[in-house]
Amino acid sequence: MELRLSLFGIKRSIDLSFFARYRNAWVVLASALLVIPLTLWLLAPAAVPDLAHGNVAGAKALMSGWAKGDMIVLVRHVERCDHSTAACLSGNDGITDRSRGVAVAVGSHFERLGLSKADIYNSPMVRTAQTAGYMFNSVGVGEDWLISCKGTMLRDALAHKVPGRNLILVTHSECMTELEKSMNVSTDTLGYGASLFVSTETPQAPTILGYIEASDWRSVTTR
C-alpha cells in the first residue's frame, strides 16, 4: 500500500505497508492506554461522604437511619496525651485535659440524635474509656475487639448490632481504617473525636453513610 502526495510540484510517496502490518498491534496498544486507567478508576475505593458542611441529603439519611435504630457509628477517641504536648487529664496513657470539652460537645450532639435506643461500647484503652465517659456518661469494661480489629472490624460490629438499636463504638483510627478497607471505601485518617456512620438498613449489605469530624457537627443540617 502506497500513499502519494504532491505539494508545490514536489511529489512524494509513503509506503503504508509497514503501518498496515502493525495496525492490529497499534489498535491493541491504544485500547490498553484507554482501558487500563478506566479499570483502575473503577476499582479504586470510593470516597467516604462528609455529612457536614451543608450535605442535606446525607444529614437526612443519618437522621432517618438513627430514628429507625439502623446505625453503627465508630467514634475515634479524643486527643491522646502521649501524642501531644498539652497537659494530660491523668497519666499519659489517656486523653489531654483540653480535649474533655471536645468529648462533651460531641456527646451533646449525639444526645440530640437520641441515645435511648443506643448500645455503647469502648475499647479497653484508657483514652477510649475516658472519651466514652465524657462523651456518653458511659464506660464499659472494654471490648478487646475494638482495638484488636485487623480484618474483623465489620464482622464484629455487625455481630454486636441489635436490630432496632443503634450501636456506638468508641474506638481507634486503625479500626476505622480497617472497617473502611473491608467495605472498599477510602478517606483520609479521621481526626480525634470524629464519627464514622454505617447504615445497616439492609443488614446483609451494610453501607458507609459518611463521617462527621468533631468540630463540624454545627454545620450538619437537614435544611
N, C-alpha and C. Protein backbone atom coordinates (compact mmCIF):
# COMPACT_ATOMS: atom_id res chain seq x y z
N MET A 1 0.86 -1.19 0.00
CA MET A 1 0.00 0.00 0.00
C MET A 1 0.89 1.23 0.00
N GLU A 2 0.52 2.24 -0.84
CA GLU A 2 1.36 3.42 -1.00
C GLU A 2 0.49 4.66 -1.02
N LEU A 3 0.93 5.71 -0.32
CA LEU A 3 0.24 6.98 -0.29
C LEU A 3 1.06 7.98 -1.08
N ARG A 4 0.44 8.60 -2.12
CA ARG A 4 1.13 9.55 -2.97
C ARG A 4 0.70 10.96 -2.59
N LEU A 5 1.69 11.85 -2.40
CA LEU A 5 1.44 13.24 -2.04
C LEU A 5 2.11 14.15 -3.05
N SER A 6 1.47 15.29 -3.34
CA SER A 6 2.05 16.27 -4.25
C SER A 6 1.84 17.65 -3.65
N LEU A 7 2.93 18.38 -3.43
CA LEU A 7 2.86 19.69 -2.83
C LEU A 7 3.85 20.61 -3.52
N PHE A 8 3.33 21.69 -4.11
CA PHE A 8 4.18 22.65 -4.83
C PHE A 8 5.01 21.97 -5.90
N GLY A 9 4.39 21.00 -6.55
CA GLY A 9 5.07 20.33 -7.65
C GLY A 9 6.03 19.24 -7.22
N ILE A 10 6.20 19.09 -5.93
CA ILE A 10 7.10 18.06 -5.40
C ILE A 10 6.28 16.84 -5.05
N LYS A 11 6.63 15.73 -5.63
CA LYS A 11 5.87 14.50 -5.42
C LYS A 11 6.63 13.57 -4.49
N ARG A 12 5.88 13.05 -3.57
CA ARG A 12 6.46 12.09 -2.63
C ARG A 12 5.49 10.93 -2.45
N SER A 13 6.01 9.78 -2.15
CA SER A 13 5.16 8.63 -1.87
C SER A 13 5.60 8.02 -0.55
N ILE A 14 4.59 7.55 0.21
CA ILE A 14 4.85 6.94 1.53
C ILE A 14 4.35 5.51 1.49
N ASP A 15 5.22 4.60 1.82
CA ASP A 15 4.86 3.18 1.86
C ASP A 15 4.11 2.91 3.17
N LEU A 16 2.82 2.58 3.06
CA LEU A 16 1.99 2.34 4.24
C LEU A 16 1.95 0.88 4.67
N SER A 17 2.66 0.04 3.97
CA SER A 17 2.61 -1.38 4.30
C SER A 17 3.12 -1.65 5.70
N PHE A 18 4.12 -0.85 6.13
CA PHE A 18 4.66 -1.04 7.49
C PHE A 18 3.57 -0.80 8.53
N PHE A 19 2.79 0.32 8.35
CA PHE A 19 1.74 0.64 9.31
C PHE A 19 0.62 -0.37 9.25
N ALA A 20 0.30 -0.83 8.03
CA ALA A 20 -0.76 -1.83 7.89
C ALA A 20 -0.39 -3.12 8.58
N ARG A 21 0.90 -3.45 8.48
CA ARG A 21 1.38 -4.70 9.06
C ARG A 21 1.17 -4.71 10.58
N TYR A 22 1.35 -3.54 11.18
CA TYR A 22 1.27 -3.47 12.64
C TYR A 22 0.00 -2.77 13.12
N ARG A 23 -1.00 -2.70 12.20
CA ARG A 23 -2.23 -2.00 12.56
C ARG A 23 -2.89 -2.59 13.78
N ASN A 24 -3.02 -3.91 13.82
CA ASN A 24 -3.68 -4.54 14.96
C ASN A 24 -2.96 -4.27 16.27
N ALA A 25 -1.64 -4.27 16.20
CA ALA A 25 -0.86 -4.01 17.42
C ALA A 25 -1.10 -2.59 17.91
N TRP A 26 -1.20 -1.64 16.97
CA TRP A 26 -1.46 -0.25 17.36
C TRP A 26 -2.85 -0.12 17.98
N VAL A 27 -3.82 -0.82 17.43
CA VAL A 27 -5.18 -0.78 17.98
C VAL A 27 -5.20 -1.34 19.40
N VAL A 28 -4.51 -2.45 19.60
CA VAL A 28 -4.45 -3.06 20.94
C VAL A 28 -3.77 -2.12 21.93
N LEU A 29 -2.68 -1.50 21.51
CA LEU A 29 -1.96 -0.60 22.40
C LEU A 29 -2.82 0.61 22.76
N ALA A 30 -3.47 1.19 21.75
CA ALA A 30 -4.33 2.34 22.02
C ALA A 30 -5.48 1.98 22.96
N SER A 31 -6.05 0.80 22.75
CA SER A 31 -7.15 0.35 23.61
C SER A 31 -6.67 0.17 25.04
N ALA A 32 -5.48 -0.39 25.20
CA ALA A 32 -4.93 -0.61 26.54
C ALA A 32 -4.71 0.71 27.26
N LEU A 33 -4.23 1.70 26.51
CA LEU A 33 -3.98 3.01 27.12
C LEU A 33 -5.27 3.65 27.62
N LEU A 34 -6.39 3.29 27.01
CA LEU A 34 -7.68 3.81 27.45
C LEU A 34 -8.29 2.95 28.55
N VAL A 35 -8.19 1.64 28.41
CA VAL A 35 -8.86 0.71 29.32
C VAL A 35 -8.20 0.65 30.69
N ILE A 36 -6.86 0.65 30.72
CA ILE A 36 -6.15 0.49 32.00
C ILE A 36 -6.50 1.60 32.98
N PRO A 37 -6.41 2.90 32.59
CA PRO A 37 -6.80 3.94 33.55
C PRO A 37 -8.25 3.85 33.97
N LEU A 38 -9.14 3.48 33.03
CA LEU A 38 -10.55 3.35 33.36
C LEU A 38 -10.77 2.24 34.38
N THR A 39 -10.07 1.12 34.19
CA THR A 39 -10.19 -0.01 35.12
C THR A 39 -9.70 0.37 36.51
N LEU A 40 -8.55 1.06 36.56
CA LEU A 40 -8.01 1.48 37.86
C LEU A 40 -8.97 2.44 38.56
N TRP A 41 -9.62 3.31 37.77
CA TRP A 41 -10.57 4.26 38.36
C TRP A 41 -11.78 3.53 38.92
N LEU A 42 -12.27 2.53 38.18
CA LEU A 42 -13.45 1.78 38.62
C LEU A 42 -13.15 0.95 39.86
N LEU A 43 -11.92 0.45 39.97
CA LEU A 43 -11.56 -0.42 41.10
C LEU A 43 -11.10 0.36 42.32
N ALA A 44 -10.85 1.65 42.16
CA ALA A 44 -10.37 2.46 43.28
C ALA A 44 -11.45 2.57 44.35
N PRO A 45 -11.06 2.57 45.63
CA PRO A 45 -12.05 2.70 46.70
C PRO A 45 -12.85 3.99 46.56
N ALA A 46 -14.14 3.91 46.85
CA ALA A 46 -14.99 5.10 46.80
C ALA A 46 -14.66 6.02 47.97
N ALA A 47 -14.87 7.30 47.77
CA ALA A 47 -14.61 8.26 48.84
C ALA A 47 -15.77 8.26 49.83
N VAL A 48 -15.47 8.45 51.10
CA VAL A 48 -16.49 8.50 52.14
C VAL A 48 -17.08 9.91 52.18
N PRO A 49 -18.40 10.05 52.10
CA PRO A 49 -19.01 11.40 52.11
C PRO A 49 -18.84 12.10 53.46
N ASP A 50 -18.68 13.41 53.38
CA ASP A 50 -18.70 14.27 54.56
C ASP A 50 -20.16 14.64 54.82
N LEU A 51 -20.69 14.28 55.97
CA LEU A 51 -22.10 14.52 56.27
C LEU A 51 -22.36 15.94 56.77
N ALA A 52 -21.29 16.70 56.95
CA ALA A 52 -21.42 18.08 57.43
C ALA A 52 -21.32 19.06 56.27
N HIS A 53 -21.16 20.34 56.60
CA HIS A 53 -20.95 21.39 55.60
C HIS A 53 -22.07 21.45 54.55
N GLY A 54 -23.32 21.33 55.03
CA GLY A 54 -24.45 21.51 54.14
C GLY A 54 -24.85 20.32 53.31
N ASN A 55 -24.34 19.14 53.65
CA ASN A 55 -24.76 17.92 52.94
C ASN A 55 -26.14 17.52 53.45
N VAL A 56 -27.17 18.16 52.90
CA VAL A 56 -28.54 17.97 53.39
C VAL A 56 -29.01 16.54 53.21
N ALA A 57 -28.76 15.97 52.03
CA ALA A 57 -29.21 14.60 51.76
C ALA A 57 -28.55 13.62 52.73
N GLY A 58 -27.25 13.79 52.96
CA GLY A 58 -26.55 12.91 53.88
C GLY A 58 -27.07 13.04 55.30
N ALA A 59 -27.31 14.28 55.73
CA ALA A 59 -27.81 14.50 57.09
C ALA A 59 -29.21 13.91 57.27
N LYS A 60 -30.05 14.05 56.25
CA LYS A 60 -31.40 13.47 56.34
C LYS A 60 -31.33 11.94 56.43
N ALA A 61 -30.42 11.34 55.65
CA ALA A 61 -30.27 9.89 55.71
C ALA A 61 -29.80 9.45 57.09
N LEU A 62 -28.90 10.23 57.70
CA LEU A 62 -28.42 9.92 59.04
C LEU A 62 -29.56 9.99 60.04
N MET A 63 -30.33 11.08 60.01
CA MET A 63 -31.44 11.24 60.97
C MET A 63 -32.46 10.12 60.81
N SER A 64 -32.78 9.77 59.56
CA SER A 64 -33.76 8.73 59.31
C SER A 64 -33.27 7.37 59.81
N GLY A 65 -32.01 7.04 59.47
CA GLY A 65 -31.45 5.77 59.91
C GLY A 65 -31.32 5.69 61.41
N TRP A 66 -30.97 6.82 62.04
CA TRP A 66 -30.83 6.84 63.50
C TRP A 66 -32.18 6.63 64.18
N ALA A 67 -33.21 7.27 63.65
CA ALA A 67 -34.55 7.13 64.23
C ALA A 67 -35.04 5.69 64.16
N LYS A 68 -34.62 4.96 63.14
CA LYS A 68 -35.03 3.56 62.98
C LYS A 68 -34.16 2.60 63.78
N GLY A 69 -33.03 3.09 64.31
CA GLY A 69 -32.11 2.21 65.01
C GLY A 69 -31.29 1.36 64.07
N ASP A 70 -30.98 1.90 62.89
CA ASP A 70 -30.25 1.14 61.86
C ASP A 70 -28.76 1.46 61.80
N MET A 71 -28.25 2.31 62.68
CA MET A 71 -26.90 2.83 62.50
C MET A 71 -25.86 2.17 63.41
N ILE A 72 -24.68 1.98 62.84
CA ILE A 72 -23.47 1.69 63.61
C ILE A 72 -22.56 2.90 63.44
N VAL A 73 -22.04 3.42 64.53
CA VAL A 73 -21.14 4.56 64.42
C VAL A 73 -19.84 4.26 65.18
N LEU A 74 -18.73 4.43 64.49
CA LEU A 74 -17.43 4.30 65.11
C LEU A 74 -16.95 5.70 65.47
N VAL A 75 -16.64 5.92 66.73
CA VAL A 75 -16.20 7.22 67.21
C VAL A 75 -14.74 7.10 67.65
N ARG A 76 -13.89 7.95 67.07
CA ARG A 76 -12.48 7.93 67.48
C ARG A 76 -12.34 8.67 68.81
N HIS A 77 -11.51 8.14 69.69
CA HIS A 77 -11.23 8.81 70.96
C HIS A 77 -10.73 10.24 70.71
N VAL A 78 -10.87 11.11 71.69
CA VAL A 78 -10.37 12.47 71.54
C VAL A 78 -8.85 12.49 71.76
N GLU A 79 -8.25 13.65 71.76
CA GLU A 79 -6.79 13.80 71.71
C GLU A 79 -6.06 12.96 72.77
N ARG A 80 -5.15 12.12 72.29
CA ARG A 80 -4.40 11.28 73.22
C ARG A 80 -3.20 12.05 73.77
N CYS A 81 -2.93 11.84 75.03
CA CYS A 81 -1.94 12.64 75.74
C CYS A 81 -0.51 12.34 75.29
N ASP A 82 -0.22 11.07 75.00
CA ASP A 82 1.16 10.72 74.66
C ASP A 82 1.57 11.17 73.26
N HIS A 83 0.63 11.75 72.49
CA HIS A 83 0.94 12.29 71.18
C HIS A 83 0.80 13.81 71.17
N SER A 84 0.80 14.41 72.34
CA SER A 84 0.57 15.85 72.44
C SER A 84 1.45 16.46 73.52
N THR A 85 1.70 17.75 73.37
CA THR A 85 2.44 18.47 74.41
C THR A 85 1.49 19.11 75.42
N ALA A 86 0.18 18.95 75.19
CA ALA A 86 -0.81 19.52 76.11
C ALA A 86 -0.84 18.73 77.41
N ALA A 87 -1.37 19.34 78.44
CA ALA A 87 -1.45 18.70 79.75
C ALA A 87 -2.36 17.47 79.69
N CYS A 88 -1.93 16.43 80.41
CA CYS A 88 -2.72 15.20 80.46
C CYS A 88 -3.86 15.33 81.45
N LEU A 89 -4.92 14.61 81.18
CA LEU A 89 -6.03 14.56 82.13
C LEU A 89 -5.59 13.81 83.37
N SER A 90 -4.98 12.63 83.16
CA SER A 90 -4.45 11.84 84.28
C SER A 90 -3.57 10.75 83.70
N GLY A 91 -2.28 10.90 83.81
CA GLY A 91 -1.37 9.93 83.22
C GLY A 91 -1.29 10.12 81.71
N ASN A 92 -0.19 9.66 81.10
CA ASN A 92 -0.03 9.92 79.67
C ASN A 92 -0.61 8.83 78.78
N ASP A 93 -1.35 7.88 79.34
CA ASP A 93 -1.99 6.86 78.52
C ASP A 93 -3.46 7.18 78.24
N GLY A 94 -3.89 8.36 78.69
CA GLY A 94 -5.28 8.76 78.47
C GLY A 94 -5.37 9.94 77.51
N ILE A 95 -6.38 10.78 77.70
CA ILE A 95 -6.61 11.93 76.83
C ILE A 95 -6.03 13.20 77.46
N THR A 96 -5.95 14.26 76.67
CA THR A 96 -5.47 15.53 77.20
C THR A 96 -6.61 16.21 77.97
N ASP A 97 -6.21 17.08 78.89
CA ASP A 97 -7.20 17.78 79.69
C ASP A 97 -8.07 18.68 78.81
N ARG A 98 -7.46 19.30 77.79
CA ARG A 98 -8.22 20.23 76.95
C ARG A 98 -9.25 19.52 76.06
N SER A 99 -9.08 18.21 75.85
CA SER A 99 -9.99 17.51 74.95
C SER A 99 -11.28 17.04 75.64
N ARG A 100 -11.35 17.23 76.96
CA ARG A 100 -12.60 16.87 77.65
C ARG A 100 -13.78 17.63 77.05
N GLY A 101 -13.56 18.92 76.79
CA GLY A 101 -14.63 19.74 76.23
C GLY A 101 -15.07 19.26 74.86
N VAL A 102 -14.13 18.75 74.06
CA VAL A 102 -14.46 18.22 72.74
C VAL A 102 -15.36 17.00 72.90
N ALA A 103 -15.01 16.12 73.82
CA ALA A 103 -15.81 14.92 74.04
C ALA A 103 -17.22 15.27 74.51
N VAL A 104 -17.32 16.21 75.43
CA VAL A 104 -18.63 16.63 75.93
C VAL A 104 -19.48 17.24 74.81
N ALA A 105 -18.85 18.06 73.96
CA ALA A 105 -19.58 18.71 72.86
C ALA A 105 -20.11 17.69 71.87
N VAL A 106 -19.26 16.72 71.49
CA VAL A 106 -19.71 15.68 70.56
C VAL A 106 -20.84 14.88 71.19
N GLY A 107 -20.69 14.57 72.46
CA GLY A 107 -21.73 13.83 73.17
C GLY A 107 -23.07 14.55 73.16
N SER A 108 -23.04 15.88 73.25
CA SER A 108 -24.29 16.64 73.26
C SER A 108 -25.01 16.52 71.92
N HIS A 109 -24.26 16.40 70.83
CA HIS A 109 -24.88 16.23 69.52
C HIS A 109 -25.51 14.84 69.40
N PHE A 110 -24.85 13.84 69.95
CA PHE A 110 -25.45 12.51 69.97
C PHE A 110 -26.70 12.49 70.85
N GLU A 111 -26.66 13.27 71.93
CA GLU A 111 -27.82 13.36 72.81
C GLU A 111 -29.02 13.92 72.04
N ARG A 112 -28.75 14.87 71.14
CA ARG A 112 -29.84 15.43 70.33
C ARG A 112 -30.37 14.40 69.33
N LEU A 113 -29.46 13.56 68.82
CA LEU A 113 -29.91 12.48 67.94
C LEU A 113 -30.80 11.51 68.71
N GLY A 114 -30.43 11.28 69.97
CA GLY A 114 -31.18 10.37 70.82
C GLY A 114 -30.37 9.14 71.19
N LEU A 115 -30.25 8.87 72.47
CA LEU A 115 -29.45 7.74 72.94
C LEU A 115 -30.30 6.68 73.63
N SER A 116 -31.61 6.85 73.62
CA SER A 116 -32.46 5.88 74.31
C SER A 116 -32.44 4.52 73.61
N LYS A 117 -32.15 4.53 72.31
CA LYS A 117 -32.06 3.26 71.55
C LYS A 117 -30.63 3.07 71.06
N ALA A 118 -29.67 3.16 71.98
CA ALA A 118 -28.27 3.03 71.59
C ALA A 118 -27.50 2.15 72.58
N ASP A 119 -26.71 1.25 72.04
CA ASP A 119 -25.79 0.44 72.85
C ASP A 119 -24.39 1.01 72.64
N ILE A 120 -23.64 1.19 73.72
CA ILE A 120 -22.35 1.88 73.66
C ILE A 120 -21.26 0.96 74.18
N TYR A 121 -20.20 0.81 73.38
CA TYR A 121 -19.03 0.01 73.77
C TYR A 121 -17.77 0.84 73.56
N ASN A 122 -16.75 0.54 74.35
CA ASN A 122 -15.45 1.18 74.16
C ASN A 122 -14.35 0.14 74.23
N SER A 123 -13.21 0.46 73.65
CA SER A 123 -12.06 -0.45 73.72
C SER A 123 -11.48 -0.42 75.14
N PRO A 124 -10.58 -1.32 75.48
CA PRO A 124 -10.04 -1.36 76.84
C PRO A 124 -9.02 -0.26 77.15
N MET A 125 -8.62 0.52 76.16
CA MET A 125 -7.59 1.54 76.38
C MET A 125 -8.14 2.69 77.23
N VAL A 126 -7.26 3.29 78.03
CA VAL A 126 -7.69 4.38 78.91
C VAL A 126 -8.28 5.54 78.12
N ARG A 127 -7.67 5.85 76.97
CA ARG A 127 -8.14 7.01 76.20
C ARG A 127 -9.56 6.83 75.65
N THR A 128 -9.91 5.59 75.31
CA THR A 128 -11.28 5.37 74.83
C THR A 128 -12.27 5.32 75.99
N ALA A 129 -11.84 4.78 77.11
CA ALA A 129 -12.71 4.76 78.28
C ALA A 129 -13.00 6.18 78.76
N GLN A 130 -11.97 7.01 78.80
CA GLN A 130 -12.17 8.41 79.20
C GLN A 130 -13.07 9.14 78.21
N THR A 131 -12.85 8.91 76.94
CA THR A 131 -13.68 9.54 75.91
C THR A 131 -15.14 9.14 76.07
N ALA A 132 -15.39 7.85 76.23
CA ALA A 132 -16.76 7.37 76.40
C ALA A 132 -17.41 7.98 77.64
N GLY A 133 -16.62 8.13 78.70
CA GLY A 133 -17.15 8.69 79.94
C GLY A 133 -17.61 10.12 79.76
N TYR A 134 -16.77 10.95 79.13
CA TYR A 134 -17.14 12.36 78.95
C TYR A 134 -18.14 12.55 77.81
N MET A 135 -18.11 11.69 76.83
CA MET A 135 -18.98 11.86 75.66
C MET A 135 -20.37 11.30 75.92
N PHE A 136 -20.45 10.16 76.58
CA PHE A 136 -21.74 9.47 76.72
C PHE A 136 -22.11 9.15 78.16
N ASN A 137 -21.29 9.58 79.11
CA ASN A 137 -21.53 9.22 80.52
C ASN A 137 -21.67 7.72 80.67
N SER A 138 -20.91 7.00 79.89
CA SER A 138 -20.99 5.54 79.91
C SER A 138 -19.62 4.96 79.63
N VAL A 139 -19.12 4.14 80.54
CA VAL A 139 -17.83 3.49 80.35
C VAL A 139 -18.01 1.99 80.54
N GLY A 140 -17.72 1.24 79.48
CA GLY A 140 -17.84 -0.21 79.56
C GLY A 140 -16.58 -0.84 80.12
N VAL A 141 -16.61 -2.15 80.26
CA VAL A 141 -15.46 -2.87 80.79
C VAL A 141 -14.31 -2.88 79.78
N GLY A 142 -14.62 -2.60 78.53
CA GLY A 142 -13.58 -2.60 77.49
C GLY A 142 -13.67 -3.85 76.63
N GLU A 143 -13.87 -3.63 75.33
CA GLU A 143 -14.02 -4.73 74.38
C GLU A 143 -12.73 -4.88 73.58
N ASP A 144 -12.08 -6.04 73.72
CA ASP A 144 -10.80 -6.26 73.02
C ASP A 144 -10.93 -6.13 71.50
N TRP A 145 -12.09 -6.50 70.95
CA TRP A 145 -12.26 -6.47 69.50
C TRP A 145 -12.29 -5.05 68.95
N LEU A 146 -12.40 -4.06 69.86
CA LEU A 146 -12.38 -2.67 69.43
C LEU A 146 -10.97 -2.08 69.39
N ILE A 147 -9.98 -2.91 69.64
CA ILE A 147 -8.60 -2.49 69.41
C ILE A 147 -7.84 -3.55 68.62
N SER A 148 -8.18 -4.83 68.82
CA SER A 148 -7.59 -5.91 68.02
C SER A 148 -8.56 -6.21 66.88
N CYS A 149 -8.51 -5.35 65.85
CA CYS A 149 -9.59 -5.35 64.86
C CYS A 149 -9.13 -5.63 63.44
N LYS A 150 -7.90 -6.03 63.26
CA LYS A 150 -7.39 -6.23 61.90
C LYS A 150 -8.18 -7.31 61.17
N GLY A 151 -8.86 -6.92 60.11
CA GLY A 151 -9.62 -7.86 59.29
C GLY A 151 -10.94 -8.32 59.87
N THR A 152 -11.29 -7.84 61.08
CA THR A 152 -12.51 -8.35 61.74
C THR A 152 -13.48 -7.25 62.17
N MET A 153 -13.16 -6.01 61.91
CA MET A 153 -13.94 -4.91 62.47
C MET A 153 -15.40 -4.95 62.02
N LEU A 154 -15.64 -5.08 60.74
CA LEU A 154 -17.01 -5.10 60.24
C LEU A 154 -17.77 -6.30 60.78
N ARG A 155 -17.15 -7.46 60.75
CA ARG A 155 -17.80 -8.67 61.22
C ARG A 155 -18.22 -8.54 62.69
N ASP A 156 -17.31 -8.06 63.52
CA ASP A 156 -17.59 -7.95 64.94
C ASP A 156 -18.64 -6.88 65.23
N ALA A 157 -18.58 -5.78 64.49
CA ALA A 157 -19.57 -4.71 64.68
C ALA A 157 -20.97 -5.23 64.35
N LEU A 158 -21.09 -5.93 63.25
CA LEU A 158 -22.41 -6.47 62.86
C LEU A 158 -22.89 -7.50 63.88
N ALA A 159 -21.96 -8.26 64.45
CA ALA A 159 -22.34 -9.28 65.43
C ALA A 159 -22.90 -8.65 66.71
N HIS A 160 -22.48 -7.42 67.01
CA HIS A 160 -22.94 -6.76 68.24
C HIS A 160 -24.13 -5.83 67.98
N LYS A 161 -24.52 -5.69 66.72
CA LYS A 161 -25.63 -4.79 66.38
C LYS A 161 -26.96 -5.49 66.67
N VAL A 162 -27.77 -4.86 67.51
CA VAL A 162 -29.10 -5.38 67.85
C VAL A 162 -30.12 -4.71 66.93
N PRO A 163 -30.99 -5.47 66.28
CA PRO A 163 -32.00 -4.87 65.39
C PRO A 163 -32.81 -3.80 66.12
N GLY A 164 -32.99 -2.66 65.47
CA GLY A 164 -33.79 -1.58 66.05
C GLY A 164 -33.05 -0.73 67.06
N ARG A 165 -31.76 -1.01 67.28
CA ARG A 165 -30.96 -0.23 68.22
C ARG A 165 -29.66 0.21 67.54
N ASN A 166 -29.32 1.48 67.73
CA ASN A 166 -28.06 1.98 67.19
C ASN A 166 -26.90 1.48 68.03
N LEU A 167 -25.75 1.35 67.39
CA LEU A 167 -24.56 0.82 68.05
C LEU A 167 -23.45 1.86 67.97
N ILE A 168 -22.97 2.32 69.12
CA ILE A 168 -21.89 3.31 69.19
C ILE A 168 -20.64 2.63 69.70
N LEU A 169 -19.57 2.73 68.93
CA LEU A 169 -18.31 2.07 69.26
C LEU A 169 -17.21 3.12 69.40
N VAL A 170 -16.74 3.32 70.61
CA VAL A 170 -15.65 4.27 70.85
C VAL A 170 -14.34 3.51 70.66
N THR A 171 -13.62 3.86 69.62
CA THR A 171 -12.51 3.02 69.18
C THR A 171 -11.33 3.87 68.70
N HIS A 172 -10.56 3.34 67.76
CA HIS A 172 -9.30 3.95 67.33
C HIS A 172 -9.27 4.14 65.82
N SER A 173 -8.41 5.02 65.36
CA SER A 173 -8.33 5.31 63.92
C SER A 173 -7.99 4.06 63.13
N GLU A 174 -7.16 3.17 63.69
CA GLU A 174 -6.79 1.96 62.97
C GLU A 174 -8.02 1.08 62.71
N CYS A 175 -8.92 1.02 63.66
CA CYS A 175 -10.11 0.19 63.49
C CYS A 175 -11.08 0.82 62.50
N MET A 176 -11.13 2.14 62.48
CA MET A 176 -11.96 2.82 61.49
C MET A 176 -11.43 2.55 60.09
N THR A 177 -10.11 2.57 59.95
CA THR A 177 -9.49 2.27 58.66
C THR A 177 -9.76 0.83 58.25
N GLU A 178 -9.71 -0.10 59.21
CA GLU A 178 -9.99 -1.50 58.91
C GLU A 178 -11.41 -1.67 58.38
N LEU A 179 -12.36 -0.98 58.98
CA LEU A 179 -13.73 -1.09 58.52
C LEU A 179 -13.86 -0.51 57.11
N GLU A 180 -13.21 0.60 56.86
CA GLU A 180 -13.26 1.21 55.52
C GLU A 180 -12.68 0.27 54.47
N LYS A 181 -11.57 -0.37 54.81
CA LYS A 181 -10.95 -1.31 53.87
C LYS A 181 -11.91 -2.46 53.54
N SER A 182 -12.57 -3.00 54.56
CA SER A 182 -13.44 -4.14 54.35
C SER A 182 -14.66 -3.77 53.52
N MET A 183 -14.99 -2.47 53.47
CA MET A 183 -16.15 -2.01 52.70
C MET A 183 -15.72 -1.29 51.42
N ASN A 184 -14.42 -1.38 51.11
CA ASN A 184 -13.86 -0.82 49.88
C ASN A 184 -14.16 0.67 49.70
N VAL A 185 -13.96 1.41 50.78
CA VAL A 185 -14.06 2.86 50.70
C VAL A 185 -12.78 3.45 51.25
N SER A 186 -12.58 4.71 50.97
CA SER A 186 -11.32 5.33 51.36
C SER A 186 -11.54 6.76 51.83
N THR A 187 -10.83 7.15 52.86
CA THR A 187 -10.83 8.53 53.31
C THR A 187 -9.51 8.80 54.01
N ASP A 188 -9.18 10.06 54.20
CA ASP A 188 -8.02 10.38 55.00
C ASP A 188 -8.30 9.97 56.44
N THR A 189 -7.23 9.80 57.22
CA THR A 189 -7.43 9.44 58.63
C THR A 189 -8.29 10.49 59.30
N LEU A 190 -9.36 10.04 59.93
CA LEU A 190 -10.27 10.97 60.59
C LEU A 190 -9.65 11.50 61.88
N GLY A 191 -10.02 12.71 62.23
CA GLY A 191 -9.44 13.37 63.39
C GLY A 191 -9.95 12.84 64.72
N TYR A 192 -9.34 13.33 65.79
CA TYR A 192 -9.79 12.96 67.13
C TYR A 192 -11.27 13.32 67.31
N GLY A 193 -12.03 12.38 67.85
CA GLY A 193 -13.44 12.64 68.12
C GLY A 193 -14.34 12.53 66.91
N ALA A 194 -13.80 12.13 65.76
CA ALA A 194 -14.62 12.01 64.55
C ALA A 194 -15.54 10.79 64.64
N SER A 195 -16.64 10.84 63.89
CA SER A 195 -17.63 9.77 63.89
C SER A 195 -17.82 9.25 62.46
N LEU A 196 -17.79 7.93 62.32
CA LEU A 196 -17.97 7.27 61.02
C LEU A 196 -19.25 6.44 61.09
N PHE A 197 -20.23 6.77 60.25
CA PHE A 197 -21.56 6.17 60.33
C PHE A 197 -21.75 5.10 59.26
N VAL A 198 -22.27 3.95 59.69
CA VAL A 198 -22.57 2.82 58.81
C VAL A 198 -24.05 2.50 58.91
N SER A 199 -24.71 2.43 57.76
CA SER A 199 -26.13 2.08 57.75
C SER A 199 -26.29 0.57 57.62
N THR A 200 -27.13 -0.01 58.47
CA THR A 200 -27.45 -1.44 58.37
C THR A 200 -28.93 -1.62 58.03
N GLU A 201 -29.48 -0.68 57.28
CA GLU A 201 -30.87 -0.79 56.86
C GLU A 201 -31.10 -2.13 56.16
N THR A 202 -30.10 -2.53 55.35
CA THR A 202 -30.08 -3.88 54.80
C THR A 202 -28.93 -4.61 55.48
N PRO A 203 -29.19 -5.39 56.51
CA PRO A 203 -28.11 -5.98 57.32
C PRO A 203 -27.12 -6.81 56.51
N GLN A 204 -27.60 -7.45 55.45
CA GLN A 204 -26.71 -8.29 54.64
C GLN A 204 -25.79 -7.44 53.75
N ALA A 205 -26.12 -6.16 53.59
CA ALA A 205 -25.31 -5.29 52.73
C ALA A 205 -25.17 -3.92 53.38
N PRO A 206 -24.41 -3.83 54.48
CA PRO A 206 -24.23 -2.53 55.15
C PRO A 206 -23.48 -1.55 54.25
N THR A 207 -23.76 -0.27 54.42
CA THR A 207 -23.10 0.75 53.62
C THR A 207 -22.59 1.87 54.52
N ILE A 208 -21.45 2.44 54.15
CA ILE A 208 -20.94 3.59 54.89
C ILE A 208 -21.70 4.83 54.46
N LEU A 209 -22.37 5.46 55.41
CA LEU A 209 -23.15 6.65 55.10
C LEU A 209 -22.25 7.88 55.00
N GLY A 210 -21.28 8.00 55.89
CA GLY A 210 -20.38 9.14 55.85
C GLY A 210 -19.76 9.40 57.22
N TYR A 211 -19.08 10.53 57.33
CA TYR A 211 -18.39 10.87 58.59
C TYR A 211 -18.68 12.30 58.99
N ILE A 212 -18.46 12.58 60.27
CA ILE A 212 -18.55 13.94 60.80
C ILE A 212 -17.35 14.15 61.71
N GLU A 213 -16.55 15.15 61.41
CA GLU A 213 -15.43 15.49 62.29
C GLU A 213 -15.98 16.16 63.56
N ALA A 214 -15.22 16.08 64.63
CA ALA A 214 -15.69 16.59 65.92
C ALA A 214 -16.07 18.07 65.86
N SER A 215 -15.34 18.85 65.08
CA SER A 215 -15.59 20.30 65.02
C SER A 215 -16.66 20.69 64.02
N ASP A 216 -17.22 19.71 63.29
CA ASP A 216 -18.13 20.03 62.18
C ASP A 216 -19.60 19.77 62.46
N TRP A 217 -19.93 19.33 63.67
CA TRP A 217 -21.32 18.98 63.95
C TRP A 217 -22.27 20.17 63.75
N ARG A 218 -21.82 21.36 64.03
CA ARG A 218 -22.69 22.53 63.91
C ARG A 218 -23.07 22.82 62.46
N SER A 219 -22.31 22.28 61.51
CA SER A 219 -22.62 22.51 60.11
C SER A 219 -23.45 21.38 59.50
N VAL A 220 -23.89 20.45 60.35
CA VAL A 220 -24.79 19.37 59.88
C VAL A 220 -26.20 19.93 59.85
N THR A 221 -26.84 19.87 58.70
CA THR A 221 -28.17 20.47 58.57
C THR A 221 -29.06 19.63 57.65
N THR A 222 -30.34 19.65 57.96
CA THR A 222 -31.31 18.95 57.09
C THR A 222 -32.15 19.97 56.31
N ARG A 223 -31.72 21.23 56.31
CA ARG A 223 -32.45 22.29 55.57
C ARG A 223 -31.49 23.07 54.67
